[in-house]
């Protein structure tokens, strides 16, 4: 059984309510129909039932709950709560009403905040900023969180590396150029996400164009410092760096380039030095290796809210919803 099938089975054991605010996107509705058919999660679809059914013509969405912000009985409660939470930022009742009636992601986040849903998945037709802004404003961060970051779960077919081809890549979706402290925090959070979702020991590689001092540059220095901080912050983790990608995942190259490392050649959590490297890296693996790429998943927010790539397929959305449900189980 592959990674995502295992996640689906876990999601089915304790079904969670997941909000889908992008009811105008056919891919989202195709995914919703399949999720409901497989009984992976209970779904709340935001939009008028008539409009959603028109957009989803030919799809069985009968098991979904439809919430139309214009008529839903709790809309005023959500408006009042937004005013309360954002009063210091100058939020007025009029502005709150305009915001949540016109931004369905914001509305869905309020449903999560108020306990009417367990998680949210958005981003098929909206930017990462549009998905995450209301989360950071309303849900805030988990206690003890140093940094909200994003990761992808990559499942590579016929791959001997990682955990039977499964990796966590971080940060590939949010933090543009993390400093050493932030990079260390991303490493710790990504390792935790890997352990929770994959159920195996995370082995974390701090990636660079250098392996153990083979190159000298300020970019390398950043990863070296991040590795030092991460080892101090998370002494229980199998974590090492700086490592080139091949030294991180290929056993014989790891043994050659970093013979003293207990992570080299065995890494299953790959921490990229910046967003350029992370975004390019995950898309290369996704497209050239025909890997399944689930994310960008968020870590560090007080409730599970996850982003989608705008290039996602309906199958990608199904996977992200299942992962979101499992995250909700572990809140």
Protein backbone atom coordinates (compact mmCIF):
# COMPACT_ATOMS: atom_id res chain seq x y z
CA UNK A 1 0.00 0.00 0.00
CA UNK A 2 1.42 3.37 -1.05
CA UNK A 3 1.85 6.41 1.15
CA UNK A 4 -1.34 8.22 0.22
CA UNK A 5 -3.44 5.06 0.47
CA UNK A 6 -2.19 4.60 4.02
CA UNK A 7 -3.09 8.21 4.79
CA UNK A 8 -6.58 7.71 3.38
CA UNK A 9 -7.09 4.67 5.59
CA UNK A 10 -5.99 6.65 8.63
CA UNK A 11 -8.34 9.49 7.70
CA UNK A 12 -11.27 7.07 7.49
CA UNK A 13 -10.69 5.81 11.05
CA UNK A 14 -11.79 9.11 12.61
CA UNK A 15 -13.45 11.27 9.99
CA UNK A 16 -12.92 15.01 10.18
CA UNK A 17 -14.82 17.96 8.71
CA UNK A 18 -12.74 19.68 6.05
CA UNK A 19 -13.77 22.97 4.40
CA UNK A 20 -13.34 23.49 0.66
CA UNK A 21 -13.89 27.19 -0.15
CA UNK A 22 -13.08 27.08 -3.89
CA UNK A 23 -16.39 25.76 -5.16
CA UNK A 24 -15.91 27.58 -8.48
CA UNK A 25 -13.06 25.22 -9.46
CA UNK A 26 -14.12 22.01 -11.22
CA UNK A 27 -11.02 20.15 -9.98
CA UNK A 28 -12.05 20.84 -6.38
CA UNK A 29 -15.54 19.47 -6.99
CA UNK A 30 -14.20 16.40 -8.80
CA UNK A 31 -11.95 15.77 -5.80
CA UNK A 32 -14.86 16.35 -3.42
CA UNK A 33 -16.99 13.77 -5.18
CA UNK A 34 -14.22 11.19 -4.90
CA UNK A 35 -13.50 12.01 -1.24
CA UNK A 36 -17.16 11.57 -0.39
CA UNK A 37 -17.37 8.35 -2.42
CA UNK A 38 -14.36 6.88 -0.60
CA UNK A 39 -15.62 8.20 2.77
CA UNK A 40 -12.27 9.86 3.52
CA UNK A 41 -13.66 12.97 5.21
CA UNK A 42 -16.85 14.94 5.78
CA UNK A 43 -16.83 17.97 3.50
CA UNK A 44 -18.18 21.49 3.83
CA UNK A 45 -18.33 23.21 0.45
CA UNK A 46 -18.73 26.99 0.56
CA UNK A 47 -21.07 28.50 -2.01
CA UNK A 48 -24.74 28.33 -2.85
CA UNK A 49 -25.93 24.77 -3.35
CA UNK A 50 -27.43 25.72 -6.71
CA UNK A 51 -24.18 27.27 -8.00
CA UNK A 52 -22.04 24.42 -6.70
CA UNK A 53 -24.23 21.79 -8.31
CA UNK A 54 -24.15 23.69 -11.59
CA UNK A 55 -20.33 23.85 -11.50
CA UNK A 56 -20.25 20.19 -10.48
CA UNK A 57 -22.71 18.94 -13.07
CA UNK A 58 -22.55 15.16 -13.32
CA UNK A 59 -20.82 14.75 -9.95
CA UNK A 60 -22.38 13.19 -6.86
CA UNK A 61 -21.95 15.77 -4.11
CA UNK A 62 -25.06 14.79 -2.19
CA UNK A 63 -23.15 13.86 0.98
CA UNK A 64 -21.49 17.28 1.26
CA UNK A 65 -22.72 20.09 3.48
CA UNK A 66 -23.22 23.29 1.49
CA UNK A 67 -22.71 26.62 3.25
CA UNK A 68 -23.81 29.82 1.50
CA UNK A 69 -22.28 32.76 3.40
CA UNK A 70 -25.10 35.02 2.25
CA UNK A 71 -27.74 32.95 4.03
CA UNK A 72 -25.95 30.74 6.58
CA UNK A 73 -27.31 31.09 10.11
CA UNK A 74 -23.89 31.58 11.71
CA UNK A 75 -22.60 34.28 9.35
CA UNK A 76 -23.36 37.11 11.78
CA UNK A 77 -21.60 35.22 14.57
CA UNK A 78 -18.52 34.95 12.35
CA UNK A 79 -18.69 38.67 11.50
CA UNK A 80 -18.86 39.58 15.19
CA UNK A 81 -15.89 37.32 15.95
CA UNK A 82 -13.78 38.86 13.19
CA UNK A 83 -14.48 42.32 14.63
CA UNK A 84 -13.48 41.09 18.09
CA UNK A 85 -10.27 39.43 16.90
CA UNK A 86 -9.17 42.27 14.63
CA UNK A 87 -10.44 45.29 16.60
CA UNK A 88 -6.91 46.53 17.32
CA UNK A 89 -6.25 46.50 13.57
CA UNK A 90 -9.22 48.79 12.97
CA UNK A 91 -11.70 46.14 11.86
CA UNK A 92 -15.28 47.43 11.69
CA UNK A 93 -18.53 45.41 11.36
CA UNK A 94 -18.93 46.72 7.82
CA UNK A 95 -15.43 45.74 6.79
CA UNK A 96 -15.73 42.33 8.48
CA UNK A 97 -18.97 41.61 6.64
CA UNK A 98 -17.48 42.64 3.31
CA UNK A 99 -14.38 40.51 3.94
CA UNK A 100 -16.01 37.22 4.84
CA UNK A 101 -18.86 37.47 2.32
CA UNK A 102 -16.44 38.09 -0.55
CA UNK A 103 -13.49 35.93 0.53
CA UNK A 104 -14.64 32.34 0.96
CA UNK A 105 -11.22 31.26 2.26
CA UNK A 106 -11.56 33.82 5.05
CA UNK A 107 -15.06 32.50 5.72
CA UNK A 108 -13.78 28.92 5.85
CA UNK A 109 -11.02 29.91 8.27
CA UNK A 110 -13.71 31.39 10.54
CA UNK A 111 -15.54 28.06 10.46
CA UNK A 112 -12.34 26.36 11.65
CA UNK A 113 -11.77 29.05 14.29
CA UNK A 114 -15.27 28.61 15.69
CA UNK A 115 -15.01 24.82 15.81
CA UNK A 116 -17.50 24.20 13.01
CA UNK A 117 -14.81 22.51 10.92
CA UNK A 118 -11.55 20.72 11.67
CA UNK A 119 -9.42 21.94 8.78
CA UNK A 120 -9.37 23.75 5.44
CA UNK A 121 -7.81 23.15 2.02
CA UNK A 122 -7.54 25.98 -0.52
CA UNK A 123 -5.20 27.31 -3.19
CA UNK A 124 -6.32 25.56 -6.39
CA UNK A 125 -7.19 28.95 -7.86
CA UNK A 126 -5.78 31.35 -5.26
CA UNK A 127 -2.24 32.30 -4.30
CA UNK A 128 -0.48 31.00 -1.22
CA UNK A 129 -0.72 34.50 0.28
CA UNK A 130 -4.51 34.51 -0.16
CA UNK A 131 -4.74 31.14 1.56
CA UNK A 132 -2.41 31.80 4.46
CA UNK A 133 -3.16 35.45 5.26
CA UNK A 134 -6.50 34.78 6.98
CA UNK A 135 -4.98 31.81 8.84
CA UNK A 136 -2.23 33.93 10.32
CA UNK A 137 -4.68 36.72 11.16
CA UNK A 138 -7.39 34.54 12.70
CA UNK A 139 -6.02 31.15 13.74
CA UNK A 140 -2.55 32.37 14.75
CA UNK A 141 0.29 29.95 15.52
CA UNK A 142 0.46 26.88 17.70
CA UNK A 143 1.89 27.43 21.18
CA UNK A 144 5.67 27.10 21.12
CA UNK A 145 5.87 27.66 17.37
CA UNK A 146 8.87 29.70 16.26
CA UNK A 147 7.95 29.95 12.60
CA UNK A 148 5.09 28.99 10.30
CA UNK A 149 6.53 27.09 7.36
CA UNK A 150 5.44 24.89 4.49
CA UNK A 151 6.43 21.46 3.25
CA UNK A 152 5.62 18.98 0.51
CA UNK A 153 5.20 15.27 0.94
CA UNK A 154 6.84 13.71 -2.10
CA UNK A 155 6.08 10.13 -3.05
CA UNK A 156 8.44 8.97 -5.80
CA UNK A 157 7.52 5.77 -7.68
CA UNK A 158 10.05 2.95 -7.94
CA UNK A 159 12.53 4.83 -5.75
CA UNK A 160 15.02 3.16 -3.41
CA UNK A 161 15.87 6.40 -1.62
CA UNK A 162 14.17 8.10 1.32
CA UNK A 163 11.53 6.04 3.09
CA UNK A 164 10.60 3.75 0.18
CA UNK A 165 10.49 6.82 -2.03
CA UNK A 166 8.66 9.05 0.44
CA UNK A 167 10.23 12.35 1.50
CA UNK A 168 9.31 15.58 3.20
CA UNK A 169 10.71 18.65 1.42
CA UNK A 170 10.84 21.94 3.34
CA UNK A 171 10.38 24.86 2.96
CA UNK A 172 9.10 24.78 -0.62
CA UNK A 173 6.18 27.17 -0.35
CA UNK A 174 6.42 29.99 2.14
CA UNK A 175 9.68 31.38 3.56
CA UNK A 176 11.68 33.14 0.87
CA UNK A 177 15.18 33.29 2.33
CA UNK A 178 15.21 31.93 5.90
CA UNK A 179 18.06 32.90 8.18
CA UNK A 180 19.93 30.19 10.12
CA UNK A 181 17.53 30.28 13.10
CA UNK A 182 14.52 30.05 10.78
CA UNK A 183 16.12 27.26 8.74
CA UNK A 184 16.73 25.30 11.94
CA UNK A 185 13.08 25.79 12.96
CA UNK A 186 11.93 24.55 9.54
CA UNK A 187 14.09 21.45 10.01
CA UNK A 188 12.58 20.68 13.41
CA UNK A 189 8.99 21.20 12.24
CA UNK A 190 9.52 19.18 9.04
CA UNK A 191 10.96 16.27 11.02
CA UNK A 192 7.90 16.34 13.29
CA UNK A 193 5.58 16.36 10.26
CA UNK A 194 7.43 13.43 8.71
CA UNK A 195 7.18 11.36 11.89
CA UNK A 196 3.47 12.12 12.25
CA UNK A 197 2.51 11.40 8.63
CA UNK A 198 4.92 8.61 7.66
CA UNK A 199 5.32 6.96 11.05
CA UNK A 200 9.06 6.43 10.62
CA UNK A 201 12.16 8.04 12.07
CA UNK A 202 12.99 11.31 10.31
CA UNK A 203 16.54 11.64 9.01
CA UNK A 204 17.12 15.28 8.20
CA UNK A 205 19.61 16.63 5.66
CA UNK A 206 20.39 20.35 5.55
CA UNK A 207 20.98 20.80 1.84
CA UNK A 208 23.59 22.98 0.15
CA UNK A 209 25.80 23.04 -2.94
CA UNK A 210 28.56 21.98 -0.53
CA UNK A 211 29.17 18.81 1.47
CA UNK A 212 31.01 19.15 4.77
CA UNK A 213 33.12 22.13 3.75
CA UNK A 214 33.75 21.24 0.11
CA UNK A 215 32.85 24.80 -0.97
CA UNK A 216 33.22 28.19 0.66
CA UNK A 217 30.50 30.81 0.34
CA UNK A 218 28.16 32.87 2.50
CA UNK A 219 25.27 30.63 1.38
CA UNK A 220 27.14 27.61 2.69
CA UNK A 221 27.90 29.41 5.94
CA UNK A 222 24.17 29.93 6.48
CA UNK A 223 23.44 26.20 6.23
CA UNK A 224 26.42 25.34 8.46
CA UNK A 225 25.12 27.71 11.13
CA UNK A 226 21.55 26.42 10.74
CA UNK A 227 22.80 22.87 11.21
CA UNK A 228 24.63 23.85 14.39
CA UNK A 229 21.52 25.55 15.80
CA UNK A 230 19.24 22.65 14.84
CA UNK A 231 21.51 20.12 16.53
CA UNK A 232 21.43 22.20 19.71
CA UNK A 233 17.66 22.75 19.55
CA UNK A 234 16.72 19.19 18.57
CA UNK A 235 19.45 16.92 19.99
CA UNK A 236 17.22 13.87 19.64
CA UNK A 237 16.99 14.23 15.86
CA UNK A 238 19.09 12.41 13.30
CA UNK A 239 20.16 15.59 11.49
CA UNK A 240 23.27 16.62 9.62
CA UNK A 241 24.66 19.05 7.10
CA UNK A 242 25.72 20.75 5.08
CA UNK A 243 25.11 18.09 2.41
CA UNK A 244 24.72 18.08 -1.34
CA UNK A 245 21.59 16.31 -2.53
CA UNK A 246 23.39 13.19 -3.76
CA UNK A 247 25.36 12.91 -0.54
CA UNK A 248 22.12 13.21 1.40
CA UNK A 249 20.18 10.39 -0.27
CA UNK A 250 22.56 8.05 -2.14
CA UNK A 251 24.30 5.65 0.29
CA UNK A 252 27.62 5.17 -1.50
CA UNK A 253 27.98 8.88 -2.29
CA UNK A 254 27.05 9.77 1.29
CA UNK A 255 29.69 7.36 2.56
CA UNK A 256 32.26 8.95 0.24
CA UNK A 257 31.47 12.62 0.83
CA UNK A 258 30.48 12.49 4.52
CA UNK A 259 31.85 9.24 5.99
CA UNK A 260 31.30 10.35 9.61
CA UNK A 261 27.65 11.29 9.10
CA UNK A 262 24.81 9.09 10.35
CA UNK A 263 22.37 10.85 8.00
CA UNK A 264 24.31 11.03 4.72
CA UNK A 265 22.94 8.60 2.17
CA UNK A 266 19.82 7.91 4.25
CA UNK A 267 17.96 11.24 4.45
CA UNK A 268 14.17 11.29 4.12
CA UNK A 269 13.62 14.92 5.19
CA UNK A 270 15.31 17.42 2.88
CA UNK A 271 15.67 21.02 4.05
CA UNK A 272 16.36 23.46 1.22
CA UNK A 273 18.39 26.62 1.86
CA UNK A 274 15.81 28.97 0.34
CA UNK A 275 12.49 29.05 -1.48
CA UNK A 276 14.05 29.16 -4.95
CA UNK A 277 15.86 25.87 -4.35
CA UNK A 278 12.86 24.28 -2.66
CA UNK A 279 10.31 25.25 -5.28
CA UNK A 280 12.56 24.24 -8.17
CA UNK A 281 13.52 21.01 -6.42
CA UNK A 282 10.03 19.74 -5.72
CA UNK A 283 8.79 20.59 -9.22
CA UNK A 284 11.75 18.82 -10.83
CA UNK A 285 11.02 15.67 -8.85
CA UNK A 286 7.29 15.94 -9.48
CA UNK A 287 7.56 16.38 -13.24
CA UNK A 288 10.65 14.37 -14.19
CA UNK A 289 10.24 11.48 -11.74
CA UNK A 290 6.42 11.55 -12.05
CA UNK A 291 6.24 11.87 -8.25
CA UNK A 292 3.10 12.60 -6.28
CA UNK A 293 3.55 16.02 -4.64
CA UNK A 294 1.19 16.91 -1.80
CA UNK A 295 1.29 20.48 -0.60
CA UNK A 296 2.39 23.01 0.24
CA UNK A 297 1.24 21.72 3.63
CA UNK A 298 1.58 24.16 6.50
CA UNK A 299 3.15 23.52 9.88
CA UNK A 300 2.95 25.78 12.90
CA UNK A 301 -0.61 27.11 12.49
CA UNK A 302 -3.03 26.48 15.37
CA UNK A 303 -5.30 24.34 13.16
CA UNK A 304 -4.71 22.38 9.93
CA UNK A 305 -4.99 24.72 6.94
CA UNK A 306 -3.23 23.64 3.79
CA UNK A 307 -2.42 25.23 0.48
CA UNK A 308 -2.54 23.73 -3.00
CA UNK A 309 -0.40 24.39 -6.01
CA UNK A 310 -2.45 26.14 -8.68
CA UNK A 311 -1.20 23.44 -11.05
CA UNK A 312 -2.75 20.71 -8.91
CA UNK A 313 -4.91 17.86 -10.16
CA UNK A 314 -8.06 16.49 -8.54
CA UNK A 315 -5.93 13.58 -7.25
CA UNK A 316 -3.54 16.04 -5.62
CA UNK A 317 -6.46 17.71 -3.85
CA UNK A 318 -7.75 14.36 -2.58
CA UNK A 319 -4.34 13.62 -1.11
CA UNK A 320 -4.03 17.01 0.58
CA UNK A 321 -7.52 16.68 2.09
CA UNK A 322 -6.62 13.24 3.46
CA UNK A 323 -3.37 14.56 4.94
CA UNK A 324 -5.25 17.54 6.44
CA UNK A 325 -7.70 15.13 8.07
CA UNK A 326 -4.84 13.15 9.61
CA UNK A 327 -3.24 16.36 10.86
CA UNK A 328 -6.58 17.23 12.48
CA UNK A 329 -6.65 13.84 14.19
CA UNK A 330 -3.27 14.65 15.71
CA UNK A 331 -4.06 18.18 16.90
